[in-house]
Amino acid sequence: MSIPAPFVELRNVSFGYGERTILRDVSLQVPRGKVTALMGASGGGKTTVLRLIGGQERAQQGQVLVNGQDVGHMGAQQLYAMRRRMGMLFQFGALFTDMSVLDNVAFPLREHTKLPEDMVRDIVLMKLHAVGLRGARDLMPSQVSGGMARRVALARAIALDPELVMYDEPFAGLDPISLGTAARLIRTLNDALGLTSILVSHDVEETLHVADHVVILGAGGIAAQGTPDEVRQNPDPLVQQFIHARPQGPVPFHYPAPSLEQDFGGHA
């Protein structure tokens, strides 16, 4: 049985902001139909990878392929068409505060389709039902908890039945119950809807529990990739520091600075 082509692939990608290199000759694959976790220390390039996939940034070297198409060579119309096949759950949800829950989820349908309003309402209610919030449709974002807001944002992310959903820190700021609920939803919706999911997260245990494939970024490249078990057993010091939350390791506590003698020596 042949293995399906990856839905997303980075081939020898390099990217930076000014003189600061974020990604250096990075190659990775996002398996079709699976949940892939992008992990690593802050500033390691995880969100940058999402921006490259979505076309907000262009690789300075290499290729970013989505379903076999090179994002770097797409014009505006091709990018918009590609993005309609993507869903995005932003950090902390990013709901429109002056719109009801129903109108938040309806927004992409009203923006990108010409469906009649009664059909839009039915689709929205189905998406809200999938995340357990059909009864919250008339509430405003200020009236729902942080965990509920994240689930509303997830319903909005799947409103257009995307093939790819990207999650940027979906567990940030959630209590353990809401975090577990969000994690189960990501796993359940991925399997039930036949999605491909990319999950950026710092929550090690919950993320390794729901992911099929894990990529750990560090020092501008890939420190490890494989199944959750393979990553846990990877001996790389950066991987072990991250997995076990060790304060000492390749990721330093101190930001680079002059020596203590240089900074304080002249005050004797």
Protein backbone atom coordinates (compact mmCIF):
# COMPACT_ATOMS: atom_id res chain seq x y z
CA MET A 1 0.00 0.00 0.00
CA SER A 2 1.50 3.33 -1.08
CA ILE A 3 1.95 6.12 1.47
CA PRO A 4 -0.04 9.25 0.52
CA ALA A 5 1.94 12.37 -0.29
CA PRO A 6 2.28 14.80 2.64
CA PHE A 7 -0.29 17.59 2.69
CA VAL A 8 2.37 20.14 3.66
CA GLU A 9 6.08 19.93 2.98
CA LEU A 10 8.97 22.31 3.65
CA ARG A 11 12.03 21.65 1.48
CA ASN A 12 15.33 23.23 2.58
CA VAL A 13 13.56 26.37 3.80
CA SER A 14 15.50 29.30 5.22
CA PHE A 15 13.87 32.43 6.61
CA GLY A 16 14.75 35.32 8.89
CA TYR A 17 13.78 38.81 9.96
CA GLY A 18 16.55 41.24 9.06
CA GLU A 19 19.85 39.75 10.21
CA ARG A 20 18.14 37.33 12.60
CA THR A 21 17.86 33.83 11.13
CA ILE A 22 14.77 31.94 12.32
CA LEU A 23 14.85 28.85 10.08
CA ARG A 24 17.97 27.48 8.44
CA ASP A 25 17.67 24.81 5.70
CA VAL A 26 14.62 23.23 7.35
CA SER A 27 12.90 20.24 5.74
CA LEU A 28 9.81 18.66 7.26
CA GLN A 29 6.63 16.89 6.23
CA VAL A 30 3.09 17.09 7.59
CA PRO A 31 1.42 13.71 6.97
CA ARG A 32 -2.00 13.87 5.36
CA GLY A 33 -4.88 13.09 7.70
CA LYS A 34 -2.75 13.23 10.85
CA VAL A 35 -2.18 15.60 13.77
CA THR A 36 1.34 17.02 13.57
CA ALA A 37 2.71 18.94 16.57
CA LEU A 38 5.27 21.72 16.13
CA MET A 39 7.09 22.21 19.42
CA GLY A 40 10.20 23.85 20.79
CA ALA A 41 11.36 26.79 22.87
CA SER A 42 9.91 30.27 22.36
CA GLY A 43 11.40 32.02 19.35
CA GLY A 44 12.26 28.74 17.64
CA GLY A 45 10.20 29.41 14.53
CA LYS A 46 6.93 27.54 15.15
CA THR A 47 4.56 30.39 14.36
CA THR A 48 6.85 31.42 11.51
CA VAL A 49 6.27 28.00 9.94
CA LEU A 50 2.49 28.61 10.13
CA ARG A 51 2.92 32.01 8.47
CA LEU A 52 4.99 30.46 5.68
CA ILE A 53 2.35 27.79 5.10
CA GLY A 54 -0.40 30.41 4.98
CA GLY A 55 1.58 32.65 2.64
CA GLN A 56 1.82 35.61 5.03
CA GLU A 57 5.58 35.24 4.69
CA ARG A 58 7.62 33.88 1.78
CA ALA A 59 10.60 31.58 2.21
CA GLN A 60 13.88 33.30 1.39
CA GLN A 61 15.29 29.97 0.23
CA GLY A 62 13.66 26.62 -0.45
CA GLN A 63 10.06 25.61 -1.08
CA VAL A 64 6.85 25.51 0.96
CA LEU A 65 4.43 23.08 -0.66
CA VAL A 66 0.74 22.80 0.27
CA ASN A 67 -1.01 19.89 -1.42
CA GLY A 68 1.81 19.83 -3.97
CA GLN A 69 1.62 23.55 -4.83
CA ASP A 70 4.48 25.96 -4.14
CA VAL A 71 3.14 28.74 -1.92
CA GLY A 72 6.08 30.99 -2.79
CA HIS A 73 5.04 31.14 -6.45
CA MET A 74 1.35 31.87 -5.83
CA GLY A 75 -0.27 35.15 -6.80
CA ALA A 76 -2.93 36.84 -4.68
CA GLN A 77 -5.87 34.95 -6.21
CA GLN A 78 -4.16 31.57 -5.80
CA LEU A 79 -3.32 32.41 -2.18
CA TYR A 80 -6.91 33.36 -1.38
CA ALA A 81 -8.17 30.15 -2.98
CA MET A 82 -5.64 28.09 -1.00
CA ARG A 83 -6.54 29.82 2.27
CA ARG A 84 -10.19 28.91 1.82
CA ARG A 85 -9.07 25.31 2.24
CA MET A 86 -7.38 26.18 5.55
CA GLY A 87 -8.77 26.87 8.99
CA MET A 88 -6.84 28.81 11.61
CA LEU A 89 -7.32 28.86 15.37
CA PHE A 90 -5.43 31.87 16.64
CA GLN A 91 -3.83 32.14 20.04
CA PHE A 92 -6.53 33.00 22.63
CA GLY A 93 -9.26 32.56 19.97
CA ALA A 94 -9.28 36.11 18.52
CA LEU A 95 -13.08 36.31 18.40
CA PHE A 96 -14.77 39.50 17.19
CA THR A 97 -15.87 41.05 20.47
CA ASP A 98 -18.83 42.97 18.99
CA MET A 99 -20.35 39.88 17.32
CA SER A 100 -22.36 37.09 18.91
CA VAL A 101 -21.08 33.54 19.02
CA LEU A 102 -23.30 32.67 16.05
CA ASP A 103 -22.10 35.66 14.01
CA ASN A 104 -18.44 34.88 14.78
CA VAL A 105 -18.79 31.37 13.36
CA ALA A 106 -20.90 32.63 10.46
CA PHE A 107 -18.31 35.25 9.47
CA PRO A 108 -16.20 33.11 7.09
CA LEU A 109 -19.36 31.67 5.49
CA ARG A 110 -20.77 35.13 4.83
CA GLU A 111 -17.40 36.41 3.65
CA HIS A 112 -16.52 33.61 1.25
CA THR A 113 -19.82 32.09 0.07
CA LYS A 114 -23.19 33.23 -1.28
CA LEU A 115 -25.21 30.76 0.76
CA PRO A 116 -28.69 31.87 1.87
CA GLU A 117 -28.90 33.02 5.47
CA ASP A 118 -31.02 30.09 6.64
CA MET A 119 -28.38 27.67 5.34
CA VAL A 120 -25.60 29.70 6.99
CA ARG A 121 -27.49 29.45 10.29
CA ASP A 122 -27.90 25.67 9.96
CA ILE A 123 -24.20 25.19 9.18
CA VAL A 124 -23.20 27.38 12.12
CA LEU A 125 -25.43 25.44 14.49
CA MET A 126 -23.90 22.15 13.26
CA LYS A 127 -20.38 23.46 13.83
CA LEU A 128 -21.29 24.77 17.28
CA HIS A 129 -22.94 21.43 18.10
CA ALA A 130 -19.68 19.68 17.14
CA VAL A 131 -17.84 21.67 19.82
CA GLY A 132 -20.64 21.39 22.38
CA LEU A 133 -21.80 25.01 22.23
CA ARG A 134 -24.99 25.07 20.15
CA GLY A 135 -26.80 26.47 23.18
CA ALA A 136 -24.37 29.41 23.42
CA ARG A 137 -25.16 30.78 19.97
CA ASP A 138 -26.74 34.04 21.18
CA LEU A 139 -24.06 34.88 23.76
CA MET A 140 -21.38 37.52 23.24
CA PRO A 141 -17.67 36.64 23.60
CA SER A 142 -17.57 38.57 26.90
CA GLN A 143 -20.20 36.18 28.26
CA VAL A 144 -18.27 32.95 27.68
CA SER A 145 -15.26 31.51 29.49
CA GLY A 146 -11.80 31.31 28.00
CA GLY A 147 -12.22 27.61 27.26
CA MET A 148 -15.60 28.19 25.61
CA ALA A 149 -14.17 31.04 23.54
CA ARG A 150 -11.47 28.70 22.25
CA ARG A 151 -14.15 26.18 21.23
CA VAL A 152 -16.14 28.92 19.44
CA ALA A 153 -12.95 29.83 17.58
CA LEU A 154 -12.52 26.17 16.65
CA ALA A 155 -16.08 26.06 15.28
CA ARG A 156 -15.22 29.15 13.20
CA ALA A 157 -12.00 27.51 11.98
CA ILE A 158 -13.93 24.53 10.57
CA ALA A 159 -16.89 26.53 9.23
CA LEU A 160 -15.77 26.22 5.61
CA ASP A 161 -14.93 22.51 5.91
CA PRO A 162 -11.17 23.02 5.43
CA GLU A 163 -8.70 20.29 4.58
CA LEU A 164 -6.01 21.75 6.84
CA VAL A 165 -6.47 23.31 10.28
CA MET A 166 -3.62 25.13 12.03
CA TYR A 167 -3.69 25.75 15.77
CA ASP A 168 -1.44 28.42 17.30
CA GLU A 169 -1.12 27.70 21.05
CA PRO A 170 -4.70 26.43 21.49
CA PHE A 171 -4.06 25.42 25.14
CA ALA A 172 -2.55 28.71 26.36
CA GLY A 173 -4.25 30.05 29.48
CA LEU A 174 -6.75 27.20 29.86
CA ASP A 175 -7.56 25.42 33.09
CA PRO A 176 -6.94 21.62 33.12
CA ILE A 177 -10.57 20.74 32.31
CA SER A 178 -10.83 23.17 29.38
CA LEU A 179 -7.38 22.12 28.18
CA GLY A 180 -8.36 18.45 28.14
CA THR A 181 -11.62 19.27 26.36
CA ALA A 182 -9.81 21.29 23.68
CA ALA A 183 -7.24 18.54 23.14
CA ARG A 184 -9.92 15.86 22.73
CA LEU A 185 -11.81 18.08 20.28
CA ILE A 186 -8.71 18.56 18.13
CA ARG A 187 -8.18 14.80 18.00
CA THR A 188 -11.88 13.95 17.46
CA LEU A 189 -12.50 16.56 14.77
CA ASN A 190 -9.32 15.63 12.92
CA ASP A 191 -10.42 12.00 12.69
CA ALA A 192 -14.16 12.57 12.15
CA LEU A 193 -13.72 15.20 9.43
CA GLY A 194 -10.66 13.69 7.76
CA LEU A 195 -8.56 16.78 8.45
CA THR A 196 -4.84 17.39 8.45
CA SER A 197 -3.91 19.32 11.59
CA ILE A 198 -0.83 21.31 12.62
CA LEU A 199 -0.66 22.04 16.32
CA VAL A 200 1.78 24.58 17.77
CA SER A 201 1.96 24.13 21.52
CA HIS A 202 4.20 24.31 24.58
CA ASP A 203 2.02 21.90 26.58
CA VAL A 204 4.20 18.82 26.32
CA GLU A 205 2.09 16.05 27.86
CA GLU A 206 -1.28 16.97 26.33
CA THR A 207 0.25 17.62 22.91
CA LEU A 208 2.23 14.36 22.82
CA HIS A 209 -0.96 12.56 23.87
CA VAL A 210 -3.03 13.77 20.87
CA ALA A 211 -0.34 14.04 18.16
CA ASP A 212 0.57 11.40 15.57
CA HIS A 213 3.75 13.14 14.45
CA VAL A 214 5.98 15.56 16.36
CA VAL A 215 8.56 18.07 15.12
CA ILE A 216 10.75 19.90 17.64
CA LEU A 217 12.41 23.05 16.33
CA GLY A 218 15.52 24.53 17.85
CA ALA A 219 18.61 26.57 16.94
CA GLY A 220 17.18 27.35 13.51
CA GLY A 221 16.68 23.72 12.53
CA ILE A 222 14.94 20.50 13.51
CA ALA A 223 16.14 18.96 16.74
CA ALA A 224 13.89 15.90 16.43
CA GLN A 225 10.91 14.54 14.55
CA GLY A 226 8.96 11.31 14.67
CA THR A 227 6.22 9.67 16.71
CA PRO A 228 5.65 10.94 20.27
CA ASP A 229 7.48 7.90 21.67
CA GLU A 230 10.44 8.41 19.33
CA VAL A 231 10.70 12.05 20.36
CA ARG A 232 10.50 11.20 24.08
CA GLN A 233 13.41 8.79 23.65
CA ASN A 234 15.53 11.13 21.50
CA PRO A 235 18.84 11.73 23.35
CA ASP A 236 19.43 15.20 21.90
CA PRO A 237 20.09 17.55 24.87
CA LEU A 238 17.76 20.26 23.52
CA VAL A 239 14.94 17.73 23.11
CA GLN A 240 15.44 16.36 26.61
CA GLN A 241 15.59 19.87 28.09
CA PHE A 242 12.31 20.78 26.41
CA ILE A 243 10.46 17.52 27.13
CA HIS A 244 11.43 17.55 30.81
CA ALA A 245 11.28 21.34 31.34
CA ARG A 246 14.87 21.53 32.57
CA PRO A 247 16.16 25.04 33.32
CA GLN A 248 19.72 24.13 32.29
CA GLY A 249 20.63 22.94 28.80
CA PRO A 250 21.23 24.19 25.25
CA VAL A 251 18.48 26.83 25.68
CA PRO A 252 20.14 29.33 28.07
CA PHE A 253 18.47 31.14 30.96
CA HIS A 254 20.46 34.34 30.40
CA TYR A 255 20.04 36.42 27.24
CA PRO A 256 23.51 37.20 25.77
CA ALA A 257 25.02 40.15 27.65
CA PRO A 258 28.40 41.72 28.41
CA SER A 259 30.37 40.11 31.20
CA LEU A 260 29.60 41.11 34.79
CA GLU A 261 33.02 42.75 34.99
CA GLN A 262 32.22 44.92 31.95
CA ASP A 263 28.83 46.00 33.31
CA PHE A 264 29.72 46.47 36.97
CA GLY A 265 33.51 46.75 37.10
CA GLY A 266 33.60 50.49 36.61
CA HIS A 267 31.52 51.22 39.72
CA ALA A 268 34.06 50.02 42.30
